[in-house]
Amino acid sequence: MEQLLNTALDTLGVAKIVTRFFGHYLYECFCRSFYEAWSKKVGETQAKSSLSAVKSVIENALKAKLSTRDIRRVKWDGPEGQKLAQAILEDTLDIFGGTE
């Protein structure tokens, strides 16, 4: 059991877990902070039907931005994590029509 757990949680496994967790977190931030204004701009039907694409864009942007970094060295709770989150959320909003 211990060997299986260690294999599952090797460096790449931990990276995947952290990336997925942060991707889910950013998706929830998008929904909480931008969904209402965005849905007013593009329409409720379009916004609802685009949510899975929004999640995919966030996940892919996160993977791309972290592909060349050691995620164990990212300061998730500091300015570095905040800057990363903000950039991904802004890029996602731009892709889906923004709120302006």
PDB file of N, CA and C in Angstrom:
ATOM      1  N   MET A   1       0.824  -1.182   0.000  1.00  0.00           N
ATOM      2  CA  MET A   1       0.000   0.000   0.000  1.00  0.00           C
ATOM      3  C   MET A   1       0.876   1.258   0.000  1.00  0.00           C
ATOM      4  N   GLU A   2       1.891   1.254   0.858  1.00  0.00           N
ATOM      5  CA  GLU A   2       2.768   2.424   0.939  1.00  0.00           C
ATOM      6  C   GLU A   2       3.481   2.681  -0.378  1.00  0.00           C
ATOM      7  N   GLN A   3       3.936   1.614  -1.022  1.00  0.00           N
ATOM      8  CA  GLN A   3       4.619   1.764  -2.305  1.00  0.00           C
ATOM      9  C   GLN A   3       3.675   2.331  -3.369  1.00  0.00           C
ATOM     10  N   LEU A   4       2.446   1.859  -3.393  1.00  0.00           N
ATOM     11  CA  LEU A   4       1.470   2.387  -4.344  1.00  0.00           C
ATOM     12  C   LEU A   4       1.196   3.867  -4.097  1.00  0.00           C
ATOM     13  N   LEU A   5       1.075   4.240  -2.841  1.00  0.00           N
ATOM     14  CA  LEU A   5       0.842   5.639  -2.498  1.00  0.00           C
ATOM     15  C   LEU A   5       2.022   6.502  -2.896  1.00  0.00           C
ATOM     16  N   ASN A   6       3.221   6.031  -2.630  1.00  0.00           N
ATOM     17  CA  ASN A   6       4.419   6.789  -2.997  1.00  0.00           C
ATOM     18  C   ASN A   6       4.522   6.951  -4.503  1.00  0.00           C
ATOM     19  N   THR A   7       4.182   5.906  -5.243  1.00  0.00           N
ATOM     20  CA  THR A   7       4.209   5.984  -6.702  1.00  0.00           C
ATOM     21  C   THR A   7       3.179   6.991  -7.203  1.00  0.00           C
ATOM     22  N   ALA A   8       1.994   6.971  -6.608  1.00  0.00           N
ATOM     23  CA  ALA A   8       0.928   7.893  -7.020  1.00  0.00           C
ATOM     24  C   ALA A   8       1.279   9.335  -6.695  1.00  0.00           C
ATOM     25  N   LEU A   9       2.027   9.527  -5.647  1.00  0.00           N
ATOM     26  CA  LEU A   9       2.347  10.885  -5.211  1.00  0.00           C
ATOM     27  C   LEU A   9       3.779  11.280  -5.516  1.00  0.00           C
ATOM     28  N   ASP A  10       4.349  10.718  -6.579  1.00  0.00           N
ATOM     29  CA  ASP A  10       5.680  11.156  -6.969  1.00  0.00           C
ATOM     30  C   ASP A  10       5.599  12.602  -7.443  1.00  0.00           C
ATOM     31  N   THR A  11       6.692  13.167  -7.812  1.00  0.00           N
ATOM     32  CA  THR A  11       6.728  14.584  -8.187  1.00  0.00           C
ATOM     33  C   THR A  11       5.720  14.921  -9.273  1.00  0.00           C
ATOM     34  N   LEU A  12       5.622  14.100 -10.304  1.00  0.00           N
ATOM     35  CA  LEU A  12       4.658  14.380 -11.373  1.00  0.00           C
ATOM     36  C   LEU A  12       3.235  14.244 -10.875  1.00  0.00           C
ATOM     37  N   GLY A  13       2.988  13.276 -10.003  1.00  0.00           N
ATOM     38  CA  GLY A  13       1.656  13.106  -9.447  1.00  0.00           C
ATOM     39  C   GLY A  13       1.237  14.296  -8.617  1.00  0.00           C
ATOM     40  N   VAL A  14       2.143  14.775  -7.798  1.00  0.00           N
ATOM     41  CA  VAL A  14       1.855  15.954  -6.979  1.00  0.00           C
ATOM     42  C   VAL A  14       1.619  17.166  -7.875  1.00  0.00           C
ATOM     43  N   ALA A  15       2.408  17.292  -8.921  1.00  0.00           N
ATOM     44  CA  ALA A  15       2.233  18.413  -9.851  1.00  0.00           C
ATOM     45  C   ALA A  15       0.846  18.377 -10.479  1.00  0.00           C
ATOM     46  N   LYS A  16       0.407  17.198 -10.872  1.00  0.00           N
ATOM     47  CA  LYS A  16      -0.925  17.069 -11.471  1.00  0.00           C
ATOM     48  C   LYS A  16      -2.017  17.412 -10.467  1.00  0.00           C
ATOM     49  N   ILE A  17      -1.854  16.950  -9.238  1.00  0.00           N
ATOM     50  CA  ILE A  17      -2.849  17.237  -8.205  1.00  0.00           C
ATOM     51  C   ILE A  17      -2.944  18.728  -7.945  1.00  0.00           C
ATOM     52  N   VAL A  18      -1.798  19.383  -7.791  1.00  0.00           N
ATOM     53  CA  VAL A  18      -1.778  20.826  -7.525  1.00  0.00           C
ATOM     54  C   VAL A  18      -2.358  21.593  -8.707  1.00  0.00           C
ATOM     55  N   THR A  19      -1.989  21.197  -9.910  1.00  0.00           N
ATOM     56  CA  THR A  19      -2.489  21.879 -11.110  1.00  0.00           C
ATOM     57  C   THR A  19      -4.006  21.729 -11.213  1.00  0.00           C
ATOM     58  N   ARG A  20      -4.514  20.531 -10.985  1.00  0.00           N
ATOM     59  CA  ARG A  20      -5.973  20.317 -11.042  1.00  0.00           C
ATOM     60  C   ARG A  20      -6.695  21.121  -9.962  1.00  0.00           C
ATOM     61  N   PHE A  21      -6.145  21.105  -8.750  1.00  0.00           N
ATOM     62  CA  PHE A  21      -6.754  21.848  -7.652  1.00  0.00           C
ATOM     63  C   PHE A  21      -6.799  23.340  -7.970  1.00  0.00           C
ATOM     64  N   PHE A  22      -5.682  23.899  -8.419  1.00  0.00           N
ATOM     65  CA  PHE A  22      -5.634  25.322  -8.724  1.00  0.00           C
ATOM     66  C   PHE A  22      -6.540  25.649  -9.912  1.00  0.00           C
ATOM     67  N   GLY A  23      -6.627  24.742 -10.873  1.00  0.00           N
ATOM     68  CA  GLY A  23      -7.543  24.943 -12.002  1.00  0.00           C
ATOM     69  C   GLY A  23      -8.994  24.996 -11.543  1.00  0.00           C
ATOM     70  N   HIS A  24      -9.377  24.098 -10.645  1.00  0.00           N
ATOM     71  CA  HIS A  24     -10.740  24.124 -10.091  1.00  0.00           C
ATOM     72  C   HIS A  24     -10.976  25.407  -9.310  1.00  0.00           C
ATOM     73  N   TYR A  25      -9.968  25.810  -8.554  1.00  0.00           N
ATOM     74  CA  TYR A  25     -10.067  27.054  -7.779  1.00  0.00           C
ATOM     75  C   TYR A  25     -10.285  28.256  -8.707  1.00  0.00           C
ATOM     76  N   LEU A  26      -9.506  28.330  -9.782  1.00  0.00           N
ATOM     77  CA  LEU A  26      -9.650  29.454 -10.718  1.00  0.00           C
ATOM     78  C   LEU A  26     -11.003  29.434 -11.419  1.00  0.00           C
ATOM     79  N   TYR A  27     -11.492  28.258 -11.746  1.00  0.00           N
ATOM     80  CA  TYR A  27     -12.821  28.141 -12.360  1.00  0.00           C
ATOM     81  C   TYR A  27     -13.889  28.670 -11.406  1.00  0.00           C
ATOM     82  N   GLU A  28     -13.802  28.297 -10.141  1.00  0.00           N
ATOM     83  CA  GLU A  28     -14.760  28.796  -9.145  1.00  0.00           C
ATOM     84  C   GLU A  28     -14.626  30.314  -8.984  1.00  0.00           C
ATOM     85  N   CYS A  29     -13.405  30.821  -9.020  1.00  0.00           N
ATOM     86  CA  CYS A  29     -13.200  32.284  -8.952  1.00  0.00           C
ATOM     87  C   CYS A  29     -13.845  32.965 -10.146  1.00  0.00           C
ATOM     88  N   PHE A  30     -13.685  32.381 -11.330  1.00  0.00           N
ATOM     89  CA  PHE A  30     -14.299  32.946 -12.536  1.00  0.00           C
ATOM     90  C   PHE A  30     -15.810  33.015 -12.366  1.00  0.00           C
ATOM     91  N   CYS A  31     -16.394  31.900 -11.939  1.00  0.00           N
ATOM     92  CA  CYS A  31     -17.850  31.849 -11.784  1.00  0.00           C
ATOM     93  C   CYS A  31     -18.339  32.853 -10.743  1.00  0.00           C
ATOM     94  N   ARG A  32     -17.627  32.958  -9.658  1.00  0.00           N
ATOM     95  CA  ARG A  32     -18.041  33.841  -8.571  1.00  0.00           C
ATOM     96  C   ARG A  32     -17.841  35.321  -8.930  1.00  0.00           C
ATOM     97  N   SER A  33     -16.737  35.630  -9.594  1.00  0.00           N
ATOM     98  CA  SER A  33     -16.384  37.033  -9.812  1.00  0.00           C
ATOM     99  C   SER A  33     -16.855  37.610 -11.141  1.00  0.00           C
ATOM    100  N   PHE A  34     -16.967  36.787 -12.182  1.00  0.00           N
ATOM    101  CA  PHE A  34     -17.208  37.322 -13.520  1.00  0.00           C
ATOM    102  C   PHE A  34     -18.479  36.829 -14.187  1.00  0.00           C
ATOM    103  N   TYR A  35     -19.029  35.722 -13.712  1.00  0.00           N
ATOM    104  CA  TYR A  35     -20.124  35.089 -14.442  1.00  0.00           C
ATOM    105  C   TYR A  35     -21.321  36.017 -14.636  1.00  0.00           C
ATOM    106  N   GLU A  36     -21.746  36.711 -13.613  1.00  0.00           N
ATOM    107  CA  GLU A  36     -22.949  37.532 -13.706  1.00  0.00           C
ATOM    108  C   GLU A  36     -22.815  38.611 -14.794  1.00  0.00           C
ATOM    109  N   ALA A  37     -21.731  39.367 -14.747  1.00  0.00           N
ATOM    110  CA  ALA A  37     -21.539  40.430 -15.742  1.00  0.00           C
ATOM    111  C   ALA A  37     -21.327  39.844 -17.135  1.00  0.00           C
ATOM    112  N   TRP A  38     -20.589  38.746 -17.200  1.00  0.00           N
ATOM    113  CA  TRP A  38     -20.328  38.092 -18.482  1.00  0.00           C
ATOM    114  C   TRP A  38     -21.623  37.561 -19.082  1.00  0.00           C
ATOM    115  N   SER A  39     -22.480  36.947 -18.261  1.00  0.00           N
ATOM    116  CA  SER A  39     -23.731  36.399 -18.790  1.00  0.00           C
ATOM    117  C   SER A  39     -24.674  37.504 -19.259  1.00  0.00           C
ATOM    118  N   LYS A  40     -24.612  38.664 -18.620  1.00  0.00           N
ATOM    119  CA  LYS A  40     -25.425  39.797 -19.087  1.00  0.00           C
ATOM    120  C   LYS A  40     -24.952  40.263 -20.453  1.00  0.00           C
ATOM    121  N   LYS A  41     -23.644  40.186 -20.687  1.00  0.00           N
ATOM    122  CA  LYS A  41     -23.101  40.647 -21.956  1.00  0.00           C
ATOM    123  C   LYS A  41     -23.383  39.662 -23.091  1.00  0.00           C
ATOM    124  N   VAL A  42     -23.153  38.358 -22.835  1.00  0.00           N
ATOM    125  CA  VAL A  42     -23.279  37.375 -23.916  1.00  0.00           C
ATOM    126  C   VAL A  42     -24.611  36.645 -23.905  1.00  0.00           C
ATOM    127  N   GLY A  43     -25.377  36.807 -22.856  1.00  0.00           N
ATOM    128  CA  GLY A  43     -26.655  36.116 -22.721  1.00  0.00           C
ATOM    129  C   GLY A  43     -26.512  34.886 -21.843  1.00  0.00           C
ATOM    130  N   GLU A  44     -27.548  34.633 -21.064  1.00  0.00           N
ATOM    131  CA  GLU A  44     -27.523  33.537 -20.100  1.00  0.00           C
ATOM    132  C   GLU A  44     -27.322  32.182 -20.783  1.00  0.00           C
ATOM    133  N   THR A  45     -28.010  31.957 -21.906  1.00  0.00           N
ATOM    134  CA  THR A  45     -27.904  30.685 -22.611  1.00  0.00           C
ATOM    135  C   THR A  45     -26.485  30.443 -23.103  1.00  0.00           C
ATOM    136  N   GLN A  46     -25.898  31.460 -23.718  1.00  0.00           N
ATOM    137  CA  GLN A  46     -24.531  31.342 -24.233  1.00  0.00           C
ATOM    138  C   GLN A  46     -23.546  31.142 -23.093  1.00  0.00           C
ATOM    139  N   ALA A  47     -23.708  31.879 -22.003  1.00  0.00           N
ATOM    140  CA  ALA A  47     -22.801  31.761 -20.858  1.00  0.00           C
ATOM    141  C   ALA A  47     -22.872  30.343 -20.278  1.00  0.00           C
ATOM    142  N   LYS A  48     -24.068  29.839 -20.053  1.00  0.00           N
ATOM    143  CA  LYS A  48     -24.221  28.490 -19.488  1.00  0.00           C
ATOM    144  C   LYS A  48     -23.612  27.430 -20.397  1.00  0.00           C
ATOM    145  N   SER A  49     -23.847  27.562 -21.703  1.00  0.00           N
ATOM    146  CA  SER A  49     -23.331  26.556 -22.636  1.00  0.00           C
ATOM    147  C   SER A  49     -21.817  26.649 -22.806  1.00  0.00           C
ATOM    148  N   SER A  50     -21.214  27.749 -22.404  1.00  0.00           N
ATOM    149  CA  SER A  50     -19.772  27.939 -22.552  1.00  0.00           C
ATOM    150  C   SER A  50     -18.975  27.585 -21.302  1.00  0.00           C
ATOM    151  N   LEU A  51     -19.643  27.247 -20.223  1.00  0.00           N
ATOM    152  CA  LEU A  51     -18.924  27.008 -18.967  1.00  0.00           C
ATOM    153  C   LEU A  51     -17.900  25.876 -19.059  1.00  0.00           C
ATOM    154  N   SER A  52     -18.215  24.808 -19.764  1.00  0.00           N
ATOM    155  CA  SER A  52     -17.233  23.721 -19.877  1.00  0.00           C
ATOM    156  C   SER A  52     -16.023  24.178 -20.688  1.00  0.00           C
ATOM    157  N   ALA A  53     -16.252  25.021 -21.686  1.00  0.00           N
ATOM    158  CA  ALA A  53     -15.136  25.572 -22.457  1.00  0.00           C
ATOM    159  C   ALA A  53     -14.304  26.522 -21.599  1.00  0.00           C
ATOM    160  N   VAL A  54     -14.956  27.278 -20.736  1.00  0.00           N
ATOM    161  CA  VAL A  54     -14.238  28.174 -19.814  1.00  0.00           C
ATOM    162  C   VAL A  54     -13.315  27.351 -18.924  1.00  0.00           C
ATOM    163  N   LYS A  55     -13.841  26.279 -18.379  1.00  0.00           N
ATOM    164  CA  LYS A  55     -13.035  25.416 -17.510  1.00  0.00           C
ATOM    165  C   LYS A  55     -11.847  24.844 -18.275  1.00  0.00           C
ATOM    166  N   SER A  56     -12.069  24.424 -19.496  1.00  0.00           N
ATOM    167  CA  SER A  56     -11.002  23.870 -20.322  1.00  0.00           C
ATOM    168  C   SER A  56      -9.923  24.907 -20.617  1.00  0.00           C
ATOM    169  N   VAL A  57     -10.335  26.127 -20.934  1.00  0.00           N
ATOM    170  CA  VAL A  57      -9.374  27.200 -21.214  1.00  0.00           C
ATOM    171  C   VAL A  57      -8.528  27.482 -19.974  1.00  0.00           C
ATOM    172  N   ILE A  58      -9.161  27.543 -18.822  1.00  0.00           N
ATOM    173  CA  ILE A  58      -8.438  27.789 -17.575  1.00  0.00           C
ATOM    174  C   ILE A  58      -7.428  26.674 -17.322  1.00  0.00           C
ATOM    175  N   GLU A  59      -7.851  25.433 -17.444  1.00  0.00           N
ATOM    176  CA  GLU A  59      -6.958  24.302 -17.204  1.00  0.00           C
ATOM    177  C   GLU A  59      -5.786  24.295 -18.171  1.00  0.00           C
ATOM    178  N   ASN A  60      -6.043  24.551 -19.446  1.00  0.00           N
ATOM    179  CA  ASN A  60      -4.979  24.557 -20.442  1.00  0.00           C
ATOM    180  C   ASN A  60      -4.028  25.731 -20.262  1.00  0.00           C
ATOM    181  N   ALA A  61      -4.555  26.884 -19.913  1.00  0.00           N
ATOM    182  CA  ALA A  61      -3.692  28.043 -19.663  1.00  0.00           C
ATOM    183  C   ALA A  61      -2.789  27.781 -18.460  1.00  0.00           C
ATOM    184  N   LEU A  62      -3.347  27.183 -17.443  1.00  0.00           N
ATOM    185  CA  LEU A  62      -2.573  26.860 -16.253  1.00  0.00           C
ATOM    186  C   LEU A  62      -1.466  25.856 -16.581  1.00  0.00           C
ATOM    187  N   LYS A  63      -1.797  24.818 -17.320  1.00  0.00           N
ATOM    188  CA  LYS A  63      -0.787  23.827 -17.719  1.00  0.00           C
ATOM    189  C   LYS A  63       0.322  24.480 -18.539  1.00  0.00           C
ATOM    190  N   ALA A  64      -0.064  25.349 -19.455  1.00  0.00           N
ATOM    191  CA  ALA A  64       0.932  26.016 -20.297  1.00  0.00           C
ATOM    192  C   ALA A  64       1.860  26.913 -19.472  1.00  0.00           C
ATOM    193  N   LYS A  65       1.285  27.660 -18.547  1.00  0.00           N
ATOM    194  CA  LYS A  65       2.090  28.576 -17.739  1.00  0.00           C
ATOM    195  C   LYS A  65       2.982  27.834 -16.746  1.00  0.00           C
ATOM    196  N   LEU A  66       2.592  26.637 -16.366  1.00  0.00           N
ATOM    197  CA  LEU A  66       3.380  25.872 -15.397  1.00  0.00           C
ATOM    198  C   LEU A  66       4.298  24.840 -16.043  1.00  0.00           C
ATOM    199  N   SER A  67       4.214  24.685 -17.359  1.00  0.00           N
ATOM    200  CA  SER A  67       4.955  23.620 -18.034  1.00  0.00           C
ATOM    201  C   SER A  67       6.469  23.761 -17.897  1.00  0.00           C
ATOM    202  N   THR A  68       6.953  24.960 -17.744  1.00  0.00           N
ATOM    203  CA  THR A  68       8.402  25.173 -17.656  1.00  0.00           C
ATOM    204  C   THR A  68       8.856  25.517 -16.241  1.00  0.00           C
ATOM    205  N   ARG A  69       7.971  25.357 -15.274  1.00  0.00           N
ATOM    206  CA  ARG A  69       8.293  25.727 -13.895  1.00  0.00           C
ATOM    207  C   ARG A  69       8.190  24.528 -12.971  1.00  0.00           C
ATOM    208  N   ASP A  70       8.934  24.587 -11.912  1.00  0.00           N
ATOM    209  CA  ASP A  70       8.820  23.597 -10.844  1.00  0.00           C
ATOM    210  C   ASP A  70       7.728  24.110  -9.915  1.00  0.00           C
ATOM    211  N   ILE A  71       6.556  23.484  -9.959  1.00  0.00           N
ATOM    212  CA  ILE A  71       5.422  24.024  -9.209  1.00  0.00           C
ATOM    213  C   ILE A  71       5.627  23.963  -7.701  1.00  0.00           C
ATOM    214  N   ARG A  72       6.592  23.169  -7.272  1.00  0.00           N
ATOM    215  CA  ARG A  72       6.894  23.134  -5.836  1.00  0.00           C
ATOM    216  C   ARG A  72       7.528  24.437  -5.372  1.00  0.00           C
ATOM    217  N   ARG A  73       8.030  25.202  -6.313  1.00  0.00           N
ATOM    218  CA  ARG A  73       8.698  26.466  -5.966  1.00  0.00           C
ATOM    219  C   ARG A  73       7.796  27.694  -6.157  1.00  0.00           C
ATOM    220  N   VAL A  74       6.593  27.482  -6.646  1.00  0.00           N
ATOM    221  CA  VAL A  74       5.654  28.587  -6.831  1.00  0.00           C
ATOM    222  C   VAL A  74       5.093  28.990  -5.471  1.00  0.00           C
ATOM    223  N   LYS A  75       5.096  30.260  -5.176  1.00  0.00           N
ATOM    224  CA  LYS A  75       4.528  30.786  -3.935  1.00  0.00           C
ATOM    225  C   LYS A  75       3.034  31.023  -4.184  1.00  0.00           C
ATOM    226  N   TRP A  76       2.239  29.962  -4.020  1.00  0.00           N
ATOM    227  CA  TRP A  76       0.821  29.996  -4.347  1.00  0.00           C
ATOM    228  C   TRP A  76       0.059  31.017  -3.514  1.00  0.00           C
ATOM    229  N   ASP A  77       0.480  31.231  -2.279  1.00  0.00           N
ATOM    230  CA  ASP A  77      -0.258  32.138  -1.392  1.00  0.00           C
ATOM    231  C   ASP A  77       0.317  33.546  -1.367  1.00  0.00           C
ATOM    232  N   GLY A  78       1.205  33.872  -2.298  1.00  0.00           N
ATOM    233  CA  GLY A  78       1.813  35.193  -2.333  1.00  0.00           C
ATOM    234  C   GLY A  78       1.553  35.888  -3.659  1.00  0.00           C
ATOM    235  N   PRO A  79       2.320  36.932  -3.934  1.00  0.00           N
ATOM    236  CA  PRO A  79       2.138  37.714  -5.165  1.00  0.00           C
ATOM    237  C   PRO A  79       2.297  36.880  -6.437  1.00  0.00           C
ATOM    238  N   GLU A  80       3.177  35.893  -6.401  1.00  0.00           N
ATOM    239  CA  GLU A  80       3.385  35.059  -7.585  1.00  0.00           C
ATOM    240  C   GLU A  80       2.121  34.278  -7.953  1.00  0.00           C
ATOM    241  N   GLY A  81       1.492  33.658  -6.964  1.00  0.00           N
ATOM    242  CA  GLY A  81       0.253  32.922  -7.198  1.00  0.00           C
ATOM    243  C   GLY A  81      -0.880  33.842  -7.620  1.00  0.00           C
ATOM    244  N   GLN A  82      -0.935  35.013  -6.993  1.00  0.00           N
ATOM    245  CA  GLN A  82      -1.982  35.981  -7.326  1.00  0.00           C
ATOM    246  C   GLN A  82      -1.812  36.492  -8.752  1.00  0.00           C
ATOM    247  N   LYS A  83      -0.582  36.765  -9.151  1.00  0.00           N
ATOM    248  CA  LYS A  83      -0.317  37.262 -10.510  1.00  0.00           C
ATOM    249  C   LYS A  83      -0.681  36.195 -11.544  1.00  0.00           C
ATOM    250  N   LEU A  84      -0.325  34.955 -11.254  1.00  0.00           N
ATOM    251  CA  LEU A  84      -0.654  33.852 -12.148  1.00  0.00           C
ATOM    252  C   LEU A  84      -2.166  33.698 -12.288  1.00  0.00           C
ATOM    253  N   ALA A  85      -2.864  33.711 -11.164  1.00  0.00           N
ATOM    254  CA  ALA A  85      -4.323  33.577 -11.173  1.00  0.00           C
ATOM    255  C   ALA A  85      -4.976  34.718 -11.938  1.00  0.00           C
ATOM    256  N   GLN A  86      -4.546  35.928 -11.671  1.00  0.00           N
ATOM    257  CA  GLN A  86      -5.127  37.098 -12.329  1.00  0.00           C
ATOM    258  C   GLN A  86      -4.908  37.048 -13.840  1.00  0.00           C
ATOM    259  N   ALA A  87      -3.713  36.682 -14.263  1.00  0.00           N
ATOM    260  CA  ALA A  87      -3.423  36.612 -15.701  1.00  0.00           C
ATOM    261  C   ALA A  87      -4.309  35.586 -16.393  1.00  0.00           C
ATOM    262  N   ILE A  88      -4.470  34.428 -15.774  1.00  0.00           N
ATOM    263  CA  ILE A  88      -5.297  33.375 -16.380  1.00  0.00           C
ATOM    264  C   ILE A  88      -6.760  33.797 -16.433  1.00  0.00           C
ATOM    265  N   LEU A  89      -7.259  34.390 -15.369  1.00  0.00           N
ATOM    266  CA  LEU A  89      -8.657  34.828 -15.361  1.00  0.00           C
ATOM    267  C   LEU A  89      -8.902  35.936 -16.385  1.00  0.00           C
ATOM    268  N   GLU A  90      -7.981  36.881 -16.490  1.00  0.00           N
ATOM    269  CA  GLU A  90      -8.138  37.958 -17.476  1.00  0.00           C
ATOM    270  C   GLU A  90      -8.079  37.409 -18.895  1.00  0.00           C
ATOM    271  N   ASP A  91      -7.142  36.493 -19.160  1.00  0.00           N
ATOM    272  CA  ASP A  91      -7.054  35.888 -20.490  1.00  0.00           C
ATOM    273  C   ASP A  91      -8.336  35.132 -20.825  1.00  0.00           C
ATOM    274  N   THR A  92      -8.876  34.423 -19.851  1.00  0.00           N
ATOM    275  CA  THR A  92     -10.119  33.671 -20.065  1.00  0.00           C
ATOM    276  C   THR A  92     -11.267  34.615 -20.391  1.00  0.00           C
ATOM    277  N   LEU A  93     -11.369  35.695 -19.645  1.00  0.00           N
ATOM    278  CA  LEU A  93     -12.420  36.681 -19.922  1.00  0.00           C
ATOM    279  C   LEU A  93     -12.278  37.263 -21.322  1.00  0.00           C
ATOM    280  N   ASP A  94     -11.045  37.575 -21.717  1.00  0.00           N
ATOM    281  CA  ASP A  94     -10.807  38.116 -23.063  1.00  0.00           C
ATOM    282  C   ASP A  94     -11.253  37.133 -24.134  1.00  0.00           C
ATOM    283  N   ILE A  95     -10.934  35.865 -23.947  1.00  0.00           N
ATOM    284  CA  ILE A  95     -11.289  34.842 -24.929  1.00  0.00           C
ATOM    285  C   ILE A  95     -12.803  34.731 -25.088  1.00  0.00           C
ATOM    286  N   PHE A  96     -13.522  34.853 -23.966  1.00  0.00           N
ATOM    287  CA  PHE A  96     -14.976  34.660 -24.012  1.00  0.00           C
ATOM    288  C   PHE A  96     -15.762  35.959 -24.079  1.00  0.00           C
ATOM    289  N   GLY A  97     -15.105  37.045 -24.440  1.00  0.00           N
ATOM    290  CA  GLY A  97     -15.842  38.271 -24.703  1.00  0.00           C
ATOM    291  C   GLY A  97     -15.807  39.308 -23.614  1.00  0.00           C
ATOM    292  N   GLY A  98     -15.122  39.038 -22.536  1.00  0.00           N
ATOM    293  CA  GLY A  98     -14.967  40.040 -21.489  1.00  0.00           C
ATOM    294  C   GLY A  98     -16.291  40.518 -20.900  1.00  0.00           C
ATOM    295  N   THR A  99     -16.184  41.570 -20.113  1.00  0.00           N
ATOM    296  CA  THR A  99     -17.385  42.111 -19.472  1.00  0.00           C
ATOM    297  C   THR A  99     -17.671  43.539 -19.900  1.00  0.00           C
ATOM    298  N   GLU A 100     -16.869  44.077 -20.750  1.00  0.00           N
ATOM    299  CA  GLU A 100     -17.066  45.482 -21.166  1.00  0.00           C
ATOM    300  C   GLU A 100     -18.053  45.599 -22.298  1.00  0.00           C
TER     301      GLU A 100
END
